[in-house]
Every structure is written in structure tokens, then in C-alpha cells.
Amino acid sequence: MADAATAGPVFRLMYSSHLRIPEHERKAELGAIFSTARSNNKRRDVTGALLVWHDSVVQALEGDEATVRELYETIHRDTRHERITLLEEGTVPERTFGRWSMARVSDDDDEPDIPLLMNRDKGGISPAAPRATTPEEDAVVATMREYARGSAQPA
């Protein structure tokens, strides 16, 4: 498996969907989604971020193109999602979310994001310091927020 921190071009795909999870089940179900995503993404060398805004989701996935497309197809078959829309896809110069196997992104500009970092020494995942983001991460997260709020159109 390649190292997620490896520099160089990488495929990024961003999509939105509507959650079919009832609100009273959402917190537990999203916790399960994050747990599974972090484990599977680490194994597949996929990095990214997930923003949940009300009942909408915007997710950015980065990695090998075939692997990311396969993951996107799996999401398409997941009954917890509906109205899945491909927002952006293509090769970018390098990973924006290389430190994150999957990060939860706040739906509010005023709330800190909670990046989850892979701790290679301990073999696990730990929270990063609040606002421990790069300008590149902030720019992509801002785009994700625009898509979630409907103020941006798919590329």
C-alpha cells in the first residue's frame, strides 16, 4: 500500500447526497459510517473529508482513481444515501487531505473542524488540534460548504 503522505498527483472525487437516515438515528449511524470509513480508507490509501449539513452530505475522496471510483459506486449502492450527485472529479497536483483517513468537517464556518489524524506510531487515529488545517484544506472545505448550502454548482 502506498503511503497517504506520498506527494504527487492524485485523483479526487467530490459528491453530494441526501441522507435517508432518520434524524433520531443519525448520530449513531454517522458514527458507524465514520468508523468504517476510517478503517477502510486507511487500508485502501484513501484520504478525504465528510461534511454533514442537516440531511445533506458532501464528501471529498482522494486516492488511486480506480479505488476512489469503486468506493463511489459502493456509496451509490448504500441505502443510507439518495440523490447522489457527482460534483467534481479529476487529478489534482497532490492530496489536500493527506493527513486525514476521513475527517469530519463542521457545517458551520464558526465551528472548528475536527480532523482525525492517522497516528502511524500508535497504529490508530487521534483528533488533531482544532483548526490544524492548511490553506489548501481550508479552500476545499469552503467549496464543500458551498456545495452543501446549494450556493455552488457541480463542475
N, C-alpha and C. Protein backbone atom coordinates (compact mmCIF):
# COMPACT_ATOMS: atom_id res chain seq x y z
N MET A 1 0.84 -1.18 0.00
CA MET A 1 0.00 0.00 0.00
C MET A 1 0.88 1.24 0.00
N ALA A 2 0.49 2.20 -0.81
CA ALA A 2 1.23 3.46 -0.85
C ALA A 2 0.96 4.24 0.42
N ASP A 3 1.82 5.13 0.73
CA ASP A 3 1.67 5.97 1.92
C ASP A 3 0.85 7.20 1.55
N ALA A 4 -0.20 7.48 2.32
CA ALA A 4 -1.08 8.61 2.03
C ALA A 4 -0.33 9.94 2.03
N ALA A 5 0.78 9.99 2.71
CA ALA A 5 1.55 11.22 2.77
C ALA A 5 2.43 11.42 1.54
N THR A 6 2.51 10.40 0.66
CA THR A 6 3.33 10.49 -0.53
C THR A 6 2.85 11.65 -1.40
N ALA A 7 3.79 12.51 -1.79
CA ALA A 7 3.46 13.66 -2.62
C ALA A 7 3.29 13.22 -4.06
N GLY A 8 2.59 14.03 -4.82
CA GLY A 8 2.40 13.77 -6.24
C GLY A 8 0.93 13.80 -6.60
N PRO A 9 0.66 13.76 -7.90
CA PRO A 9 -0.73 13.84 -8.37
C PRO A 9 -1.59 12.71 -7.79
N VAL A 10 -2.86 13.03 -7.57
CA VAL A 10 -3.80 12.07 -7.02
C VAL A 10 -5.19 12.38 -7.58
N PHE A 11 -6.02 11.37 -7.66
CA PHE A 11 -7.39 11.54 -8.14
C PHE A 11 -8.28 11.99 -6.99
N ARG A 12 -9.10 13.01 -7.22
CA ARG A 12 -10.06 13.46 -6.22
C ARG A 12 -11.46 13.44 -6.83
N LEU A 13 -12.40 12.94 -6.04
CA LEU A 13 -13.79 12.92 -6.42
C LEU A 13 -14.58 13.55 -5.27
N MET A 14 -15.52 14.42 -5.62
CA MET A 14 -16.38 15.05 -4.62
C MET A 14 -17.82 14.83 -5.05
N TYR A 15 -18.65 14.41 -4.09
CA TYR A 15 -20.06 14.17 -4.38
C TYR A 15 -20.92 14.74 -3.25
N SER A 16 -22.21 14.86 -3.55
CA SER A 16 -23.18 15.21 -2.51
C SER A 16 -24.27 14.15 -2.52
N SER A 17 -24.95 14.03 -1.39
CA SER A 17 -26.09 13.13 -1.31
C SER A 17 -27.03 13.62 -0.23
N HIS A 18 -28.20 13.05 -0.24
CA HIS A 18 -29.21 13.31 0.78
C HIS A 18 -29.26 12.07 1.67
N LEU A 19 -29.18 12.28 2.98
CA LEU A 19 -29.21 11.15 3.91
C LEU A 19 -30.64 10.64 4.08
N ARG A 20 -30.79 9.34 4.05
CA ARG A 20 -32.08 8.71 4.29
C ARG A 20 -32.19 8.23 5.74
N ILE A 21 -31.23 8.59 6.55
CA ILE A 21 -31.20 8.16 7.95
C ILE A 21 -32.13 9.06 8.76
N PRO A 22 -33.09 8.48 9.49
CA PRO A 22 -33.96 9.32 10.32
C PRO A 22 -33.13 10.12 11.32
N GLU A 23 -33.57 11.34 11.60
CA GLU A 23 -32.78 12.23 12.46
C GLU A 23 -32.47 11.61 13.82
N HIS A 24 -33.40 10.87 14.40
CA HIS A 24 -33.18 10.29 15.73
C HIS A 24 -32.14 9.16 15.71
N GLU A 25 -31.80 8.65 14.52
CA GLU A 25 -30.78 7.60 14.39
C GLU A 25 -29.48 8.14 13.83
N ARG A 26 -29.47 9.39 13.42
CA ARG A 26 -28.36 9.95 12.65
C ARG A 26 -27.02 9.93 13.38
N LYS A 27 -27.00 10.36 14.64
CA LYS A 27 -25.72 10.44 15.36
C LYS A 27 -25.05 9.07 15.45
N ALA A 28 -25.79 8.06 15.82
CA ALA A 28 -25.22 6.71 15.93
C ALA A 28 -24.81 6.18 14.56
N GLU A 29 -25.65 6.39 13.56
CA GLU A 29 -25.36 5.87 12.22
C GLU A 29 -24.16 6.58 11.61
N LEU A 30 -24.06 7.89 11.80
CA LEU A 30 -22.90 8.61 11.28
C LEU A 30 -21.63 8.18 12.00
N GLY A 31 -21.71 7.90 13.28
CA GLY A 31 -20.56 7.36 14.00
C GLY A 31 -20.09 6.06 13.39
N ALA A 32 -21.03 5.19 13.04
CA ALA A 32 -20.68 3.92 12.41
C ALA A 32 -20.07 4.14 11.03
N ILE A 33 -20.62 5.09 10.28
CA ILE A 33 -20.07 5.40 8.95
C ILE A 33 -18.62 5.88 9.08
N PHE A 34 -18.36 6.81 10.01
CA PHE A 34 -17.00 7.32 10.20
C PHE A 34 -16.05 6.20 10.61
N SER A 35 -16.47 5.36 11.50
CA SER A 35 -15.61 4.27 11.97
C SER A 35 -15.23 3.35 10.82
N THR A 36 -16.21 2.96 10.03
CA THR A 36 -15.97 2.07 8.89
C THR A 36 -15.11 2.77 7.84
N ALA A 37 -15.43 4.03 7.56
CA ALA A 37 -14.68 4.77 6.54
C ALA A 37 -13.22 4.92 6.92
N ARG A 38 -12.96 5.27 8.17
CA ARG A 38 -11.57 5.45 8.58
C ARG A 38 -10.79 4.15 8.43
N SER A 39 -11.36 3.06 8.84
CA SER A 39 -10.68 1.77 8.75
C SER A 39 -10.45 1.37 7.29
N ASN A 40 -11.52 1.41 6.50
CA ASN A 40 -11.42 1.00 5.09
C ASN A 40 -10.53 1.94 4.29
N ASN A 41 -10.66 3.23 4.53
CA ASN A 41 -9.87 4.20 3.77
C ASN A 41 -8.38 4.07 4.07
N LYS A 42 -8.05 3.85 5.31
CA LYS A 42 -6.63 3.67 5.66
C LYS A 42 -6.05 2.47 4.91
N ARG A 43 -6.82 1.39 4.89
CA ARG A 43 -6.37 0.16 4.21
C ARG A 43 -6.24 0.38 2.70
N ARG A 44 -7.10 1.19 2.12
CA ARG A 44 -7.11 1.43 0.68
C ARG A 44 -6.28 2.63 0.26
N ASP A 45 -5.64 3.31 1.23
CA ASP A 45 -4.86 4.51 0.96
C ASP A 45 -5.73 5.61 0.35
N VAL A 46 -6.94 5.76 0.90
CA VAL A 46 -7.86 6.81 0.51
C VAL A 46 -7.92 7.82 1.65
N THR A 47 -7.87 9.09 1.29
CA THR A 47 -7.99 10.16 2.27
C THR A 47 -9.17 11.03 1.88
N GLY A 48 -9.61 11.89 2.80
CA GLY A 48 -10.72 12.75 2.45
C GLY A 48 -11.38 13.40 3.63
N ALA A 49 -12.53 14.00 3.35
CA ALA A 49 -13.29 14.70 4.38
C ALA A 49 -14.77 14.54 4.07
N LEU A 50 -15.56 14.55 5.14
CA LEU A 50 -17.01 14.41 5.02
C LEU A 50 -17.68 15.54 5.78
N LEU A 51 -18.56 16.26 5.10
CA LEU A 51 -19.33 17.32 5.71
C LEU A 51 -20.79 16.88 5.75
N VAL A 52 -21.41 16.99 6.90
CA VAL A 52 -22.84 16.71 7.04
C VAL A 52 -23.51 18.01 7.42
N TRP A 53 -24.48 18.43 6.62
CA TRP A 53 -25.22 19.67 6.86
C TRP A 53 -26.69 19.34 6.78
N HIS A 54 -27.37 19.35 7.92
CA HIS A 54 -28.76 18.92 8.05
C HIS A 54 -28.87 17.49 7.54
N ASP A 55 -29.59 17.26 6.42
CA ASP A 55 -29.68 15.91 5.89
C ASP A 55 -28.91 15.76 4.58
N SER A 56 -27.97 16.68 4.36
CA SER A 56 -27.12 16.62 3.16
C SER A 56 -25.69 16.25 3.54
N VAL A 57 -25.02 15.60 2.62
CA VAL A 57 -23.64 15.19 2.78
C VAL A 57 -22.85 15.70 1.59
N VAL A 58 -21.64 16.18 1.84
CA VAL A 58 -20.67 16.44 0.77
C VAL A 58 -19.40 15.75 1.22
N GLN A 59 -18.86 14.92 0.33
CA GLN A 59 -17.65 14.18 0.67
C GLN A 59 -16.63 14.33 -0.44
N ALA A 60 -15.37 14.53 -0.02
CA ALA A 60 -14.23 14.53 -0.93
C ALA A 60 -13.42 13.29 -0.64
N LEU A 61 -13.07 12.55 -1.69
CA LEU A 61 -12.27 11.33 -1.58
C LEU A 61 -11.05 11.47 -2.46
N GLU A 62 -9.88 11.09 -1.96
CA GLU A 62 -8.63 11.19 -2.71
C GLU A 62 -7.91 9.85 -2.66
N GLY A 63 -7.32 9.48 -3.78
CA GLY A 63 -6.54 8.25 -3.84
C GLY A 63 -6.38 7.79 -5.27
N ASP A 64 -6.05 6.51 -5.41
CA ASP A 64 -5.95 5.89 -6.73
C ASP A 64 -7.32 6.00 -7.41
N GLU A 65 -7.34 6.38 -8.68
CA GLU A 65 -8.61 6.63 -9.38
C GLU A 65 -9.54 5.42 -9.35
N ALA A 66 -9.04 4.25 -9.65
CA ALA A 66 -9.89 3.05 -9.66
C ALA A 66 -10.46 2.77 -8.27
N THR A 67 -9.65 2.94 -7.25
CA THR A 67 -10.09 2.70 -5.88
C THR A 67 -11.17 3.70 -5.47
N VAL A 68 -10.96 4.98 -5.78
CA VAL A 68 -11.93 6.02 -5.43
C VAL A 68 -13.23 5.81 -6.19
N ARG A 69 -13.15 5.46 -7.47
CA ARG A 69 -14.38 5.23 -8.24
C ARG A 69 -15.14 4.01 -7.71
N GLU A 70 -14.41 2.99 -7.31
CA GLU A 70 -15.05 1.81 -6.72
C GLU A 70 -15.76 2.18 -5.42
N LEU A 71 -15.13 2.99 -4.60
CA LEU A 71 -15.74 3.44 -3.36
C LEU A 71 -16.99 4.28 -3.64
N TYR A 72 -16.92 5.12 -4.64
CA TYR A 72 -18.08 5.94 -5.02
C TYR A 72 -19.24 5.05 -5.47
N GLU A 73 -18.96 4.00 -6.21
CA GLU A 73 -20.01 3.06 -6.63
C GLU A 73 -20.61 2.35 -5.42
N THR A 74 -19.78 2.02 -4.42
CA THR A 74 -20.28 1.40 -3.19
C THR A 74 -21.23 2.36 -2.48
N ILE A 75 -20.88 3.63 -2.44
CA ILE A 75 -21.73 4.64 -1.82
C ILE A 75 -23.06 4.74 -2.56
N HIS A 76 -23.01 4.64 -3.90
CA HIS A 76 -24.23 4.67 -4.71
C HIS A 76 -25.19 3.55 -4.31
N ARG A 77 -24.66 2.41 -3.92
CA ARG A 77 -25.50 1.26 -3.54
C ARG A 77 -25.94 1.30 -2.08
N ASP A 78 -25.37 2.22 -1.31
CA ASP A 78 -25.67 2.31 0.12
C ASP A 78 -27.06 2.93 0.30
N THR A 79 -27.97 2.19 0.93
CA THR A 79 -29.34 2.65 1.08
C THR A 79 -29.49 3.83 2.04
N ARG A 80 -28.42 4.22 2.72
CA ARG A 80 -28.48 5.39 3.59
C ARG A 80 -28.36 6.69 2.81
N HIS A 81 -28.01 6.59 1.52
CA HIS A 81 -27.87 7.76 0.66
C HIS A 81 -28.91 7.72 -0.45
N GLU A 82 -29.35 8.89 -0.89
CA GLU A 82 -30.18 9.02 -2.09
C GLU A 82 -29.80 10.33 -2.77
N ARG A 83 -30.24 10.48 -4.01
CA ARG A 83 -29.94 11.70 -4.78
C ARG A 83 -28.45 12.02 -4.76
N ILE A 84 -27.65 11.06 -5.11
CA ILE A 84 -26.19 11.23 -5.13
C ILE A 84 -25.82 11.99 -6.40
N THR A 85 -25.03 13.04 -6.23
CA THR A 85 -24.62 13.89 -7.35
C THR A 85 -23.11 14.02 -7.37
N LEU A 86 -22.51 13.70 -8.50
CA LEU A 86 -21.08 13.89 -8.68
C LEU A 86 -20.84 15.39 -8.87
N LEU A 87 -20.02 15.97 -8.01
CA LEU A 87 -19.77 17.41 -8.05
C LEU A 87 -18.48 17.74 -8.79
N GLU A 88 -17.42 17.02 -8.49
CA GLU A 88 -16.12 17.26 -9.11
C GLU A 88 -15.37 15.95 -9.19
N GLU A 89 -14.54 15.82 -10.20
CA GLU A 89 -13.64 14.67 -10.30
C GLU A 89 -12.45 15.07 -11.16
N GLY A 90 -11.31 14.51 -10.85
CA GLY A 90 -10.13 14.78 -11.65
C GLY A 90 -8.86 14.64 -10.84
N THR A 91 -7.77 14.74 -11.56
CA THR A 91 -6.46 14.64 -10.93
C THR A 91 -6.06 16.01 -10.40
N VAL A 92 -5.58 16.02 -9.17
CA VAL A 92 -5.09 17.24 -8.54
C VAL A 92 -3.59 17.06 -8.28
N PRO A 93 -2.83 18.15 -8.14
CA PRO A 93 -1.38 18.04 -8.01
C PRO A 93 -0.90 17.19 -6.83
N GLU A 94 -1.66 17.21 -5.73
CA GLU A 94 -1.31 16.41 -4.56
C GLU A 94 -2.52 16.28 -3.65
N ARG A 95 -2.42 15.40 -2.68
CA ARG A 95 -3.51 15.22 -1.73
C ARG A 95 -3.69 16.49 -0.90
N THR A 96 -4.91 16.90 -0.78
CA THR A 96 -5.21 18.00 0.13
C THR A 96 -5.41 17.46 1.53
N PHE A 97 -6.02 16.28 1.63
CA PHE A 97 -6.36 15.69 2.92
C PHE A 97 -5.45 14.51 3.27
N GLY A 98 -4.17 14.60 2.90
CA GLY A 98 -3.24 13.51 3.10
C GLY A 98 -3.07 13.07 4.54
N ARG A 99 -3.35 13.96 5.48
CA ARG A 99 -3.23 13.60 6.90
C ARG A 99 -4.48 12.92 7.44
N TRP A 100 -5.57 12.97 6.68
CA TRP A 100 -6.87 12.52 7.19
C TRP A 100 -7.33 11.27 6.47
N SER A 101 -7.49 10.14 7.18
CA SER A 101 -8.09 8.97 6.54
C SER A 101 -9.57 9.26 6.29
N MET A 102 -10.19 10.02 7.17
CA MET A 102 -11.51 10.60 6.95
C MET A 102 -11.73 11.61 8.05
N ALA A 103 -12.00 12.83 7.66
CA ALA A 103 -12.20 13.90 8.63
C ALA A 103 -13.64 14.33 8.63
N ARG A 104 -14.14 14.65 9.80
CA ARG A 104 -15.47 15.24 9.93
C ARG A 104 -15.27 16.73 9.77
N VAL A 105 -16.05 17.33 8.90
CA VAL A 105 -15.97 18.76 8.67
C VAL A 105 -17.21 19.40 9.27
N SER A 106 -17.01 20.45 10.02
CA SER A 106 -18.13 21.17 10.62
C SER A 106 -18.98 21.80 9.54
N ASP A 107 -20.29 21.88 9.79
CA ASP A 107 -21.19 22.52 8.83
C ASP A 107 -21.30 24.02 9.06
N ASP A 108 -20.55 24.52 10.00
CA ASP A 108 -20.64 25.93 10.38
C ASP A 108 -19.26 26.57 10.28
N ASP A 109 -19.16 27.67 9.55
CA ASP A 109 -17.88 28.35 9.39
C ASP A 109 -17.27 28.75 10.74
N ASP A 110 -18.11 28.97 11.74
CA ASP A 110 -17.61 29.43 13.04
C ASP A 110 -17.19 28.29 13.96
N GLU A 111 -17.56 27.08 13.62
CA GLU A 111 -17.20 25.92 14.44
C GLU A 111 -15.89 25.33 13.94
N PRO A 112 -15.04 24.87 14.82
CA PRO A 112 -13.80 24.26 14.36
C PRO A 112 -14.08 22.91 13.71
N ASP A 113 -13.30 22.60 12.71
CA ASP A 113 -13.36 21.28 12.11
C ASP A 113 -12.68 20.30 13.05
N ILE A 114 -13.02 19.06 12.94
CA ILE A 114 -12.42 18.04 13.79
C ILE A 114 -11.68 17.05 12.90
N PRO A 115 -10.46 17.39 12.49
CA PRO A 115 -9.71 16.47 11.67
C PRO A 115 -9.27 15.26 12.48
N LEU A 116 -9.33 14.11 11.86
CA LEU A 116 -8.90 12.88 12.51
C LEU A 116 -7.63 12.43 11.83
N LEU A 117 -6.56 12.38 12.58
CA LEU A 117 -5.25 12.07 12.02
C LEU A 117 -4.87 10.63 12.26
N MET A 118 -4.26 10.02 11.26
CA MET A 118 -3.72 8.69 11.45
C MET A 118 -2.44 8.83 12.25
N ASN A 119 -2.34 8.16 13.36
CA ASN A 119 -1.13 8.15 14.17
C ASN A 119 -0.38 6.87 13.83
N ARG A 120 0.54 6.97 12.93
CA ARG A 120 1.25 5.77 12.44
C ARG A 120 2.04 5.08 13.54
N ASP A 121 2.57 5.85 14.50
CA ASP A 121 3.35 5.25 15.58
C ASP A 121 2.49 4.37 16.47
N LYS A 122 1.25 4.80 16.71
CA LYS A 122 0.37 4.05 17.59
C LYS A 122 -0.60 3.16 16.83
N GLY A 123 -0.59 3.24 15.49
CA GLY A 123 -1.45 2.40 14.68
C GLY A 123 -2.92 2.74 14.78
N GLY A 124 -3.25 3.94 15.20
CA GLY A 124 -4.64 4.32 15.37
C GLY A 124 -4.92 5.70 14.84
N ILE A 125 -6.04 6.23 15.27
CA ILE A 125 -6.49 7.53 14.80
C ILE A 125 -6.72 8.41 16.01
N SER A 126 -6.30 9.65 15.91
CA SER A 126 -6.48 10.56 17.03
C SER A 126 -6.93 11.92 16.51
N PRO A 127 -7.64 12.70 17.33
CA PRO A 127 -8.06 14.02 16.90
C PRO A 127 -6.87 14.97 16.82
N ALA A 128 -6.91 15.83 15.86
CA ALA A 128 -5.87 16.86 15.73
C ALA A 128 -6.29 18.07 16.55
N ALA A 129 -5.37 18.98 16.69
CA ALA A 129 -5.69 20.24 17.38
C ALA A 129 -6.73 20.99 16.55
N PRO A 130 -7.66 21.68 17.19
CA PRO A 130 -8.65 22.46 16.44
C PRO A 130 -7.96 23.43 15.47
N ARG A 131 -8.57 23.57 14.32
CA ARG A 131 -8.08 24.47 13.28
C ARG A 131 -6.66 24.13 12.82
N ALA A 132 -6.28 22.88 12.94
CA ALA A 132 -4.97 22.46 12.47
C ALA A 132 -5.06 22.13 10.98
N THR A 133 -5.49 23.11 10.21
CA THR A 133 -5.68 22.89 8.79
C THR A 133 -4.75 23.79 7.99
N THR A 134 -4.49 23.36 6.76
CA THR A 134 -3.67 24.13 5.84
C THR A 134 -4.57 25.05 5.01
N PRO A 135 -4.01 26.04 4.35
CA PRO A 135 -4.82 26.87 3.45
C PRO A 135 -5.48 26.05 2.34
N GLU A 136 -4.80 25.02 1.84
CA GLU A 136 -5.37 24.17 0.80
C GLU A 136 -6.58 23.41 1.34
N GLU A 137 -6.46 22.86 2.56
CA GLU A 137 -7.58 22.16 3.17
C GLU A 137 -8.75 23.12 3.38
N ASP A 138 -8.44 24.30 3.88
CA ASP A 138 -9.49 25.29 4.12
C ASP A 138 -10.22 25.65 2.83
N ALA A 139 -9.49 25.77 1.72
CA ALA A 139 -10.11 26.13 0.44
C ALA A 139 -11.06 25.03 -0.04
N VAL A 140 -10.65 23.77 0.04
CA VAL A 140 -11.52 22.68 -0.41
C VAL A 140 -12.72 22.55 0.53
N VAL A 141 -12.50 22.70 1.83
CA VAL A 141 -13.60 22.63 2.80
C VAL A 141 -14.60 23.77 2.53
N ALA A 142 -14.12 24.95 2.18
CA ALA A 142 -15.02 26.06 1.86
C ALA A 142 -15.88 25.70 0.65
N THR A 143 -15.30 25.06 -0.35
CA THR A 143 -16.05 24.61 -1.52
C THR A 143 -17.10 23.58 -1.12
N MET A 144 -16.71 22.65 -0.24
CA MET A 144 -17.66 21.64 0.23
C MET A 144 -18.85 22.31 0.92
N ARG A 145 -18.58 23.32 1.73
CA ARG A 145 -19.66 24.04 2.41
C ARG A 145 -20.57 24.74 1.41
N GLU A 146 -19.99 25.33 0.36
CA GLU A 146 -20.79 25.99 -0.67
C GLU A 146 -21.70 24.98 -1.36
N TYR A 147 -21.18 23.81 -1.69
CA TYR A 147 -22.00 22.77 -2.31
C TYR A 147 -23.13 22.34 -1.37
N ALA A 148 -22.82 22.14 -0.10
CA ALA A 148 -23.82 21.69 0.86
C ALA A 148 -24.95 22.70 0.99
N ARG A 149 -24.62 23.95 0.92
CA ARG A 149 -25.63 25.01 1.10
C ARG A 149 -26.31 25.37 -0.22
N GLY A 150 -25.87 24.74 -1.31
CA GLY A 150 -26.51 24.98 -2.60
C GLY A 150 -26.05 26.22 -3.31
N SER A 151 -24.98 26.84 -2.83
CA SER A 151 -24.52 28.07 -3.46
C SER A 151 -23.45 27.83 -4.53
N ALA A 152 -23.09 26.56 -4.74
CA ALA A 152 -22.13 26.21 -5.80
C ALA A 152 -22.78 25.17 -6.70
N GLN A 153 -22.41 25.18 -7.96
CA GLN A 153 -22.92 24.21 -8.92
C GLN A 153 -21.83 23.21 -9.28
N PRO A 154 -22.21 21.95 -9.60
CA PRO A 154 -21.20 20.96 -9.98
C PRO A 154 -20.34 21.44 -11.13
N ALA A 155 -19.07 21.05 -11.09
CA ALA A 155 -18.12 21.45 -12.13
C ALA A 155 -18.44 20.77 -13.45
